[in-house]
Structures are given as C-alpha cells and as structure tokens.
PDB file of all heavy atoms in Angstrom:
ATOM      1  N   ARG A   1     -23.048   1.175   9.544  1.00  0.00           N
ATOM      2  CA  ARG A   1     -22.256   1.186   8.433  1.00  0.00           C
ATOM      3  C   ARG A   1     -20.892   1.924   8.616  1.00  0.00           C
ATOM      4  O   ARG A   1     -19.791   1.399   8.218  1.00  0.00           O
ATOM      5  CB  ARG A   1     -22.845   1.651   7.219  1.00  0.00           C
ATOM      6  CG  ARG A   1     -23.943   0.659   6.712  1.00  0.00           C
ATOM      7  CD  ARG A   1     -24.672   1.204   5.475  1.00  0.00           C
ATOM      8  NE  ARG A   1     -25.463   2.370   5.903  1.00  0.00           N
ATOM      9  CZ  ARG A   1     -26.117   3.091   5.178  1.00  0.00           C
ATOM     10  NH1 ARG A   1     -26.155   2.853   3.858  1.00  0.00           N
ATOM     11  NH2 ARG A   1     -26.914   4.103   5.572  1.00  0.00           N
ATOM     12  N   PRO A   2     -20.757   3.082   9.267  1.00  0.00           N
ATOM     13  CA  PRO A   2     -19.453   3.671   9.406  1.00  0.00           C
ATOM     14  C   PRO A   2     -18.596   2.887  10.271  1.00  0.00           C
ATOM     15  O   PRO A   2     -17.281   2.784  10.037  1.00  0.00           O
ATOM     16  CB  PRO A   2     -19.839   5.072  10.049  1.00  0.00           C
ATOM     17  CG  PRO A   2     -21.147   5.293   9.625  1.00  0.00           C
ATOM     18  CD  PRO A   2     -21.829   4.029   9.583  1.00  0.00           C
ATOM     19  N   LEU A   3     -19.086   2.331  11.373  1.00  0.00           N
ATOM     20  CA  LEU A   3     -18.224   1.418  12.216  1.00  0.00           C
ATOM     21  C   LEU A   3     -17.752   0.172  11.547  1.00  0.00           C
ATOM     22  O   LEU A   3     -16.659  -0.299  11.724  1.00  0.00           O
ATOM     23  CB  LEU A   3     -19.041   1.190  13.464  1.00  0.00           C
ATOM     24  CG  LEU A   3     -19.271   2.260  14.420  1.00  0.00           C
ATOM     25  CD1 LEU A   3     -20.135   1.869  15.602  1.00  0.00           C
ATOM     26  CD2 LEU A   3     -18.110   2.999  14.786  1.00  0.00           C
ATOM     27  N   LEU A   4     -18.670  -0.413  10.666  1.00  0.00           N
ATOM     28  CA  LEU A   4     -18.267  -1.594   9.860  1.00  0.00           C
ATOM     29  C   LEU A   4     -17.164  -1.347   8.811  1.00  0.00           C
ATOM     30  O   LEU A   4     -16.270  -2.056   8.645  1.00  0.00           O
ATOM     31  CB  LEU A   4     -19.499  -2.160   9.217  1.00  0.00           C
ATOM     32  CG  LEU A   4     -20.464  -2.827  10.262  1.00  0.00           C
ATOM     33  CD1 LEU A   4     -21.735  -3.222   9.434  1.00  0.00           C
ATOM     34  CD2 LEU A   4     -19.930  -3.878  10.978  1.00  0.00           C
ATOM     35  N   VAL A   5     -17.260  -0.142   8.319  1.00  0.00           N
ATOM     36  CA  VAL A   5     -16.225   0.262   7.334  1.00  0.00           C
ATOM     37  C   VAL A   5     -14.748   0.447   8.105  1.00  0.00           C
ATOM     38  O   VAL A   5     -13.840   0.090   7.641  1.00  0.00           O
ATOM     39  CB  VAL A   5     -16.588   1.646   6.600  1.00  0.00           C
ATOM     40  CG1 VAL A   5     -15.418   2.171   5.822  1.00  0.00           C
ATOM     41  CG2 VAL A   5     -17.730   1.394   5.672  1.00  0.00           C
ATOM     42  N   ALA A   6     -14.986   1.015   9.297  1.00  0.00           N
ATOM     43  CA  ALA A   6     -13.657   1.157  10.092  1.00  0.00           C
ATOM     44  C   ALA A   6     -13.166  -0.229  10.480  1.00  0.00           C
ATOM     45  O   ALA A   6     -11.869  -0.420  10.423  1.00  0.00           O
ATOM     46  CB  ALA A   6     -13.986   1.884  11.307  1.00  0.00           C
ATOM     47  N   VAL A   7     -14.043  -1.225  10.831  1.00  0.00           N
ATOM     48  CA  VAL A   7     -13.512  -2.614  10.985  1.00  0.00           C
ATOM     49  C   VAL A   7     -12.909  -3.206   9.792  1.00  0.00           C
ATOM     50  O   VAL A   7     -11.783  -3.803   9.803  1.00  0.00           O
ATOM     51  CB  VAL A   7     -14.692  -3.375  11.618  1.00  0.00           C
ATOM     52  CG1 VAL A   7     -14.261  -4.889  11.649  1.00  0.00           C
ATOM     53  CG2 VAL A   7     -15.131  -2.943  12.946  1.00  0.00           C
ATOM     54  N   MET A   8     -13.523  -2.983   8.660  1.00  0.00           N
ATOM     55  CA  MET A   8     -13.010  -3.515   7.459  1.00  0.00           C
ATOM     56  C   MET A   8     -11.715  -2.987   6.936  1.00  0.00           C
ATOM     57  O   MET A   8     -10.719  -3.721   6.633  1.00  0.00           O
ATOM     58  CB  MET A   8     -14.016  -3.218   6.322  1.00  0.00           C
ATOM     59  CG  MET A   8     -13.580  -3.731   4.899  1.00  0.00           C
ATOM     60  SD  MET A   8     -14.784  -3.189   3.593  1.00  0.00           S
ATOM     61  CE  MET A   8     -14.483  -1.291   3.682  1.00  0.00           C
ATOM     62  N   MET A   9     -11.491  -1.618   7.185  1.00  0.00           N
ATOM     63  CA  MET A   9     -10.257  -1.079   6.815  1.00  0.00           C
ATOM     64  C   MET A   9      -9.141  -1.413   7.864  1.00  0.00           C
ATOM     65  O   MET A   9      -8.057  -1.658   7.416  1.00  0.00           O
ATOM     66  CB  MET A   9     -10.396   0.442   6.772  1.00  0.00           C
ATOM     67  CG  MET A   9     -11.330   1.007   5.657  1.00  0.00           C
ATOM     68  SD  MET A   9     -10.665   0.500   4.019  1.00  0.00           S
ATOM     69  CE  MET A   9      -9.219   1.355   3.914  1.00  0.00           C
ATOM     70  N   GLY A  10      -9.532  -1.504   9.029  1.00  0.00           N
ATOM     71  CA  GLY A  10      -8.544  -1.909   9.999  1.00  0.00           C
ATOM     72  C   GLY A  10      -8.075  -3.407   9.838  1.00  0.00           C
ATOM     73  O   GLY A  10      -6.953  -3.638  10.023  1.00  0.00           O
ATOM     74  N   ALA A  11      -8.940  -4.194   9.336  1.00  0.00           N
ATOM     75  CA  ALA A  11      -8.562  -5.628   9.148  1.00  0.00           C
ATOM     76  C   ALA A  11      -7.678  -5.813   7.836  1.00  0.00           C
ATOM     77  O   ALA A  11      -6.875  -6.734   7.758  1.00  0.00           O
ATOM     78  CB  ALA A  11      -9.847  -6.461   8.960  1.00  0.00           C
ATOM     79  N   SER A  12      -7.858  -4.817   7.005  1.00  0.00           N
ATOM     80  CA  SER A  12      -6.976  -4.936   5.802  1.00  0.00           C
ATOM     81  C   SER A  12      -5.689  -4.082   5.738  1.00  0.00           C
ATOM     82  O   SER A  12      -4.904  -4.124   4.826  1.00  0.00           O
ATOM     83  CB  SER A  12      -7.889  -4.472   4.586  1.00  0.00           C
ATOM     84  OG  SER A  12      -8.091  -3.083   4.614  1.00  0.00           O
ATOM     85  N   ALA A  13      -5.453  -3.338   6.777  1.00  0.00           N
ATOM     86  CA  ALA A  13      -4.254  -2.487   6.878  1.00  0.00           C
ATOM     87  C   ALA A  13      -3.240  -3.203   7.659  1.00  0.00           C
ATOM     88  O   ALA A  13      -3.096  -3.103   8.913  1.00  0.00           O
ATOM     89  CB  ALA A  13      -4.657  -1.247   7.672  1.00  0.00           C
ATOM     90  N   SER A  14      -2.449  -4.112   7.009  1.00  0.00           N
ATOM     91  CA  SER A  14      -1.402  -4.993   7.630  1.00  0.00           C
ATOM     92  C   SER A  14      -0.107  -4.585   6.937  1.00  0.00           C
ATOM     93  O   SER A  14       0.494  -5.518   6.349  1.00  0.00           O
ATOM     94  CB  SER A  14      -1.822  -6.399   7.469  1.00  0.00           C
ATOM     95  OG  SER A  14      -1.898  -6.771   6.009  1.00  0.00           O
ATOM     96  N   PHE A  15       0.447  -3.472   7.184  1.00  0.00           N
ATOM     97  CA  PHE A  15       1.674  -3.030   6.465  1.00  0.00           C
ATOM     98  C   PHE A  15       2.871  -3.157   7.434  1.00  0.00           C
ATOM     99  O   PHE A  15       4.035  -3.136   6.949  1.00  0.00           O
ATOM    100  CB  PHE A  15       1.542  -1.547   6.003  1.00  0.00           C
ATOM    101  CG  PHE A  15       0.376  -1.141   5.267  1.00  0.00           C
ATOM    102  CD1 PHE A  15      -0.497  -0.405   5.683  1.00  0.00           C
ATOM    103  CD2 PHE A  15       0.130  -1.888   4.000  1.00  0.00           C
ATOM    104  CE1 PHE A  15      -1.744  -0.016   4.949  1.00  0.00           C
ATOM    105  CE2 PHE A  15      -0.942  -1.628   3.144  1.00  0.00           C
ATOM    106  CZ  PHE A  15      -1.868  -0.692   3.616  1.00  0.00           C
ATOM    107  N   ALA A  16       2.783  -3.259   8.787  1.00  0.00           N
ATOM    108  CA  ALA A  16       3.825  -3.084   9.642  1.00  0.00           C
ATOM    109  C   ALA A  16       4.524  -4.375   9.959  1.00  0.00           C
ATOM    110  O   ALA A  16       5.557  -4.309  10.561  1.00  0.00           O
ATOM    111  CB  ALA A  16       3.268  -2.437  10.956  1.00  0.00           C
ATOM    112  N   THR A  17       4.086  -5.539   9.560  1.00  0.00           N
ATOM    113  CA  THR A  17       4.812  -6.658   9.774  1.00  0.00           C
ATOM    114  C   THR A  17       4.893  -7.599   8.548  1.00  0.00           C
ATOM    115  O   THR A  17       3.896  -7.561   7.729  1.00  0.00           O
ATOM    116  CB  THR A  17       4.086  -7.558  10.975  1.00  0.00           C
ATOM    117  OG1 THR A  17       2.883  -8.004  10.565  1.00  0.00           O
ATOM    118  CG2 THR A  17       4.092  -6.778  12.212  1.00  0.00           C
ATOM    119  N   PRO A  18       5.824  -8.416   8.434  1.00  0.00           N
ATOM    120  CA  PRO A  18       5.882  -9.332   7.176  1.00  0.00           C
ATOM    121  C   PRO A  18       5.001 -10.452   7.399  1.00  0.00           C
ATOM    122  O   PRO A  18       4.745 -11.148   6.369  1.00  0.00           O
ATOM    123  CB  PRO A  18       7.408  -9.828   7.310  1.00  0.00           C
ATOM    124  CG  PRO A  18       7.825  -9.716   8.660  1.00  0.00           C
ATOM    125  CD  PRO A  18       7.095  -8.473   9.259  1.00  0.00           C
ATOM    126  N   ILE A  19       4.311 -10.695   8.484  1.00  0.00           N
ATOM    127  CA  ILE A  19       3.437 -11.826   8.621  1.00  0.00           C
ATOM    128  C   ILE A  19       1.959 -11.304   8.675  1.00  0.00           C
ATOM    129  O   ILE A  19       1.038 -12.063   8.956  1.00  0.00           O
ATOM    130  CB  ILE A  19       3.740 -12.590   9.951  1.00  0.00           C
ATOM    131  CG1 ILE A  19       3.624 -11.677  11.216  1.00  0.00           C
ATOM    132  CG2 ILE A  19       4.972 -13.333   9.820  1.00  0.00           C
ATOM    133  CD1 ILE A  19       3.762 -12.332  12.613  1.00  0.00           C
ATOM    134  N   GLY A  20       1.762 -10.049   8.390  1.00  0.00           N
ATOM    135  CA  GLY A  20       0.380  -9.557   8.416  1.00  0.00           C
ATOM    136  C   GLY A  20      -0.420  -9.948   7.183  1.00  0.00           C
ATOM    137  O   GLY A  20      -1.693  -9.994   7.283  1.00  0.00           O
ATOM    138  N   TYR A  21       0.202 -10.269   6.184  1.00  0.00           N
ATOM    139  CA  TYR A  21      -0.451 -10.650   4.849  1.00  0.00           C
ATOM    140  C   TYR A  21       0.441 -11.563   4.073  1.00  0.00           C
ATOM    141  O   TYR A  21       1.712 -11.537   4.103  1.00  0.00           O
ATOM    142  CB  TYR A  21      -0.794  -9.424   4.007  1.00  0.00           C
ATOM    143  CG  TYR A  21      -1.855  -9.707   3.017  1.00  0.00           C
ATOM    144  CD1 TYR A  21      -3.181 -10.099   3.378  1.00  0.00           C
ATOM    145  CD2 TYR A  21      -1.538  -9.616   1.656  1.00  0.00           C
ATOM    146  CE1 TYR A  21      -4.143 -10.377   2.240  1.00  0.00           C
ATOM    147  CE2 TYR A  21      -2.358  -9.916   0.671  1.00  0.00           C
ATOM    148  CZ  TYR A  21      -3.699 -10.248   0.974  1.00  0.00           C
ATOM    149  OH  TYR A  21      -4.612 -10.492  -0.009  1.00  0.00           O
ATOM    150  N   GLN A  22      -0.088 -12.400   3.178  1.00  0.00           N
ATOM    151  CA  GLN A  22       0.680 -13.342   2.516  1.00  0.00           C
ATOM    152  C   GLN A  22       1.707 -12.720   1.531  1.00  0.00           C
ATOM    153  O   GLN A  22       2.797 -13.193   1.430  1.00  0.00           O
ATOM    154  CB  GLN A  22      -0.219 -14.297   1.575  1.00  0.00           C
ATOM    155  CG  GLN A  22      -1.176 -15.156   2.359  1.00  0.00           C
ATOM    156  CD  GLN A  22      -2.599 -14.469   2.579  1.00  0.00           C
ATOM    157  OE1 GLN A  22      -2.695 -13.245   2.570  1.00  0.00           O
ATOM    158  NE2 GLN A  22      -3.632 -15.242   2.822  1.00  0.00           N
ATOM    159  N   THR A  23       1.257 -11.558   0.926  1.00  0.00           N
ATOM    160  CA  THR A  23       2.305 -10.993  -0.025  1.00  0.00           C
ATOM    161  C   THR A  23       3.300 -10.346   0.755  1.00  0.00           C
ATOM    162  O   THR A  23       4.507 -10.328   0.218  1.00  0.00           O
ATOM    163  CB  THR A  23       1.520  -9.819  -0.806  1.00  0.00           C
ATOM    164  OG1 THR A  23       0.274 -10.387  -1.339  1.00  0.00           O
ATOM    165  CG2 THR A  23       2.246  -9.284  -1.860  1.00  0.00           C
ATOM    166  N   ASN A  24       3.219  -9.794   1.895  1.00  0.00           N
ATOM    167  CA  ASN A  24       4.335  -9.218   2.761  1.00  0.00           C
ATOM    168  C   ASN A  24       5.298 -10.521   3.047  1.00  0.00           C
ATOM    169  O   ASN A  24       6.471 -10.340   3.014  1.00  0.00           O
ATOM    170  CB  ASN A  24       3.750  -8.813   4.125  1.00  0.00           C
ATOM    171  CG  ASN A  24       2.890  -7.561   3.911  1.00  0.00           C
ATOM    172  OD1 ASN A  24       2.579  -7.101   2.770  1.00  0.00           O
ATOM    173  ND2 ASN A  24       2.559  -6.973   5.069  1.00  0.00           N
ATOM    174  N   THR A  25       4.743 -11.559   3.366  1.00  0.00           N
ATOM    175  CA  THR A  25       5.633 -12.779   3.711  1.00  0.00           C
ATOM    176  C   THR A  25       6.419 -13.129   2.448  1.00  0.00           C
ATOM    177  O   THR A  25       7.643 -13.484   2.603  1.00  0.00           O
ATOM    178  CB  THR A  25       4.768 -13.872   4.171  1.00  0.00           C
ATOM    179  OG1 THR A  25       4.061 -13.481   5.279  1.00  0.00           O
ATOM    180  CG2 THR A  25       5.689 -15.104   4.592  1.00  0.00           C
ATOM    181  N   MET A  26       5.844 -13.176   1.181  1.00  0.00           N
ATOM    182  CA  MET A  26       6.569 -13.656   0.002  1.00  0.00           C
ATOM    183  C   MET A  26       7.750 -12.593  -0.223  1.00  0.00           C
ATOM    184  O   MET A  26       8.794 -12.972  -0.571  1.00  0.00           O
ATOM    185  CB  MET A  26       5.590 -13.610  -1.112  1.00  0.00           C
ATOM    186  CG  MET A  26       4.727 -14.883  -1.059  1.00  0.00           C
ATOM    187  SD  MET A  26       3.661 -15.173  -2.521  1.00  0.00           S
ATOM    188  CE  MET A  26       2.713 -13.739  -2.605  1.00  0.00           C
ATOM    189  N   VAL A  27       7.363 -11.300  -0.118  1.00  0.00           N
ATOM    190  CA  VAL A  27       8.341 -10.220  -0.429  1.00  0.00           C
ATOM    191  C   VAL A  27       9.466 -10.417   0.713  1.00  0.00           C
ATOM    192  O   VAL A  27      10.647 -10.137   0.358  1.00  0.00           O
ATOM    193  CB  VAL A  27       7.680  -8.849  -0.507  1.00  0.00           C
ATOM    194  CG1 VAL A  27       8.713  -7.732  -0.433  1.00  0.00           C
ATOM    195  CG2 VAL A  27       6.821  -8.744  -1.575  1.00  0.00           C
ATOM    196  N   TYR A  28       9.152 -10.528   1.918  1.00  0.00           N
ATOM    197  CA  TYR A  28      10.029 -10.628   2.999  1.00  0.00           C
ATOM    198  C   TYR A  28      11.105 -11.716   2.680  1.00  0.00           C
ATOM    199  O   TYR A  28      12.340 -11.585   2.988  1.00  0.00           O
ATOM    200  CB  TYR A  28       9.271 -10.857   4.319  1.00  0.00           C
ATOM    201  CG  TYR A  28      10.082 -11.091   5.608  1.00  0.00           C
ATOM    202  CD1 TYR A  28      10.740 -10.057   6.119  1.00  0.00           C
ATOM    203  CD2 TYR A  28      10.104 -12.372   6.235  1.00  0.00           C
ATOM    204  CE1 TYR A  28      11.446 -10.174   7.235  1.00  0.00           C
ATOM    205  CE2 TYR A  28      10.884 -12.504   7.356  1.00  0.00           C
ATOM    206  CZ  TYR A  28      11.469 -11.416   7.825  1.00  0.00           C
ATOM    207  OH  TYR A  28      12.367 -11.598   9.172  1.00  0.00           O
ATOM    208  N   ALA A  29      10.643 -12.925   2.386  1.00  0.00           N
ATOM    209  CA  ALA A  29      11.492 -13.984   2.113  1.00  0.00           C
ATOM    210  C   ALA A  29      12.372 -13.852   0.896  1.00  0.00           C
ATOM    211  O   ALA A  29      13.591 -14.039   1.008  1.00  0.00           O
ATOM    212  CB  ALA A  29      10.716 -15.302   2.003  1.00  0.00           C
ATOM    213  N   SER A  30      11.841 -13.368  -0.230  1.00  0.00           N
ATOM    214  CA  SER A  30      12.589 -13.294  -1.450  1.00  0.00           C
ATOM    215  C   SER A  30      13.399 -12.012  -1.467  1.00  0.00           C
ATOM    216  O   SER A  30      14.382 -12.111  -2.254  1.00  0.00           O
ATOM    217  CB  SER A  30      11.651 -13.410  -2.622  1.00  0.00           C
ATOM    218  OG  SER A  30      10.823 -12.215  -2.583  1.00  0.00           O
ATOM    219  N   GLY A  31      13.071 -10.996  -0.801  1.00  0.00           N
ATOM    220  CA  GLY A  31      13.820  -9.710  -0.917  1.00  0.00           C
ATOM    221  C   GLY A  31      14.874  -9.595   0.248  1.00  0.00           C
ATOM    222  O   GLY A  31      15.550  -8.576   0.206  1.00  0.00           O
ATOM    223  N   ASN A  32      15.093 -10.509   1.004  1.00  0.00           N
ATOM    224  CA  ASN A  32      16.004 -10.490   2.097  1.00  0.00           C
ATOM    225  C   ASN A  32      15.854  -9.259   3.041  1.00  0.00           C
ATOM    226  O   ASN A  32      16.707  -8.628   3.394  1.00  0.00           O
ATOM    227  CB  ASN A  32      17.434 -10.465   1.560  1.00  0.00           C
ATOM    228  CG  ASN A  32      17.745 -11.932   0.975  1.00  0.00           C
ATOM    229  OD1 ASN A  32      17.329 -12.925   1.457  1.00  0.00           O
ATOM    230  ND2 ASN A  32      18.519 -11.841  -0.066  1.00  0.00           N
ATOM    231  N   TYR A  33      14.591  -8.974   3.276  1.00  0.00           N
ATOM    232  CA  TYR A  33      14.233  -7.718   4.105  1.00  0.00           C
ATOM    233  C   TYR A  33      14.435  -8.276   5.562  1.00  0.00           C
ATOM    234  O   TYR A  33      14.271  -9.388   5.921  1.00  0.00           O
ATOM    235  CB  TYR A  33      12.756  -7.349   3.841  1.00  0.00           C
ATOM    236  CG  TYR A  33      12.599  -6.566   2.526  1.00  0.00           C
ATOM    237  CD1 TYR A  33      11.994  -7.248   1.509  1.00  0.00           C
ATOM    238  CD2 TYR A  33      13.172  -5.304   2.420  1.00  0.00           C
ATOM    239  CE1 TYR A  33      11.891  -6.601   0.318  1.00  0.00           C
ATOM    240  CE2 TYR A  33      12.973  -4.617   1.088  1.00  0.00           C
ATOM    241  CZ  TYR A  33      12.291  -5.267   0.065  1.00  0.00           C
ATOM    242  OH  TYR A  33      12.182  -4.715  -1.028  1.00  0.00           O
TER     243      TYR A  33
END
C-alpha cells in the first residue's frame, strides 16, 4: 500500500508542463502562458 500510494501521487502530480493534464492545457491556451 505505501508504494501504491506513491505511484498514485506521482501519477497525479503534473504541475511542471502545460500538457501534463487537461486543465493545464486549457489554462495554457486561454491565458497566453
């Protein structure tokens, strides 16, 4: 379980690129980032 939680959190931490998650892409396009 601790290793699976680490995998789960790693999979959901997509802050560093605009293509990491759909919301990042929407903000990237509309906000002229």
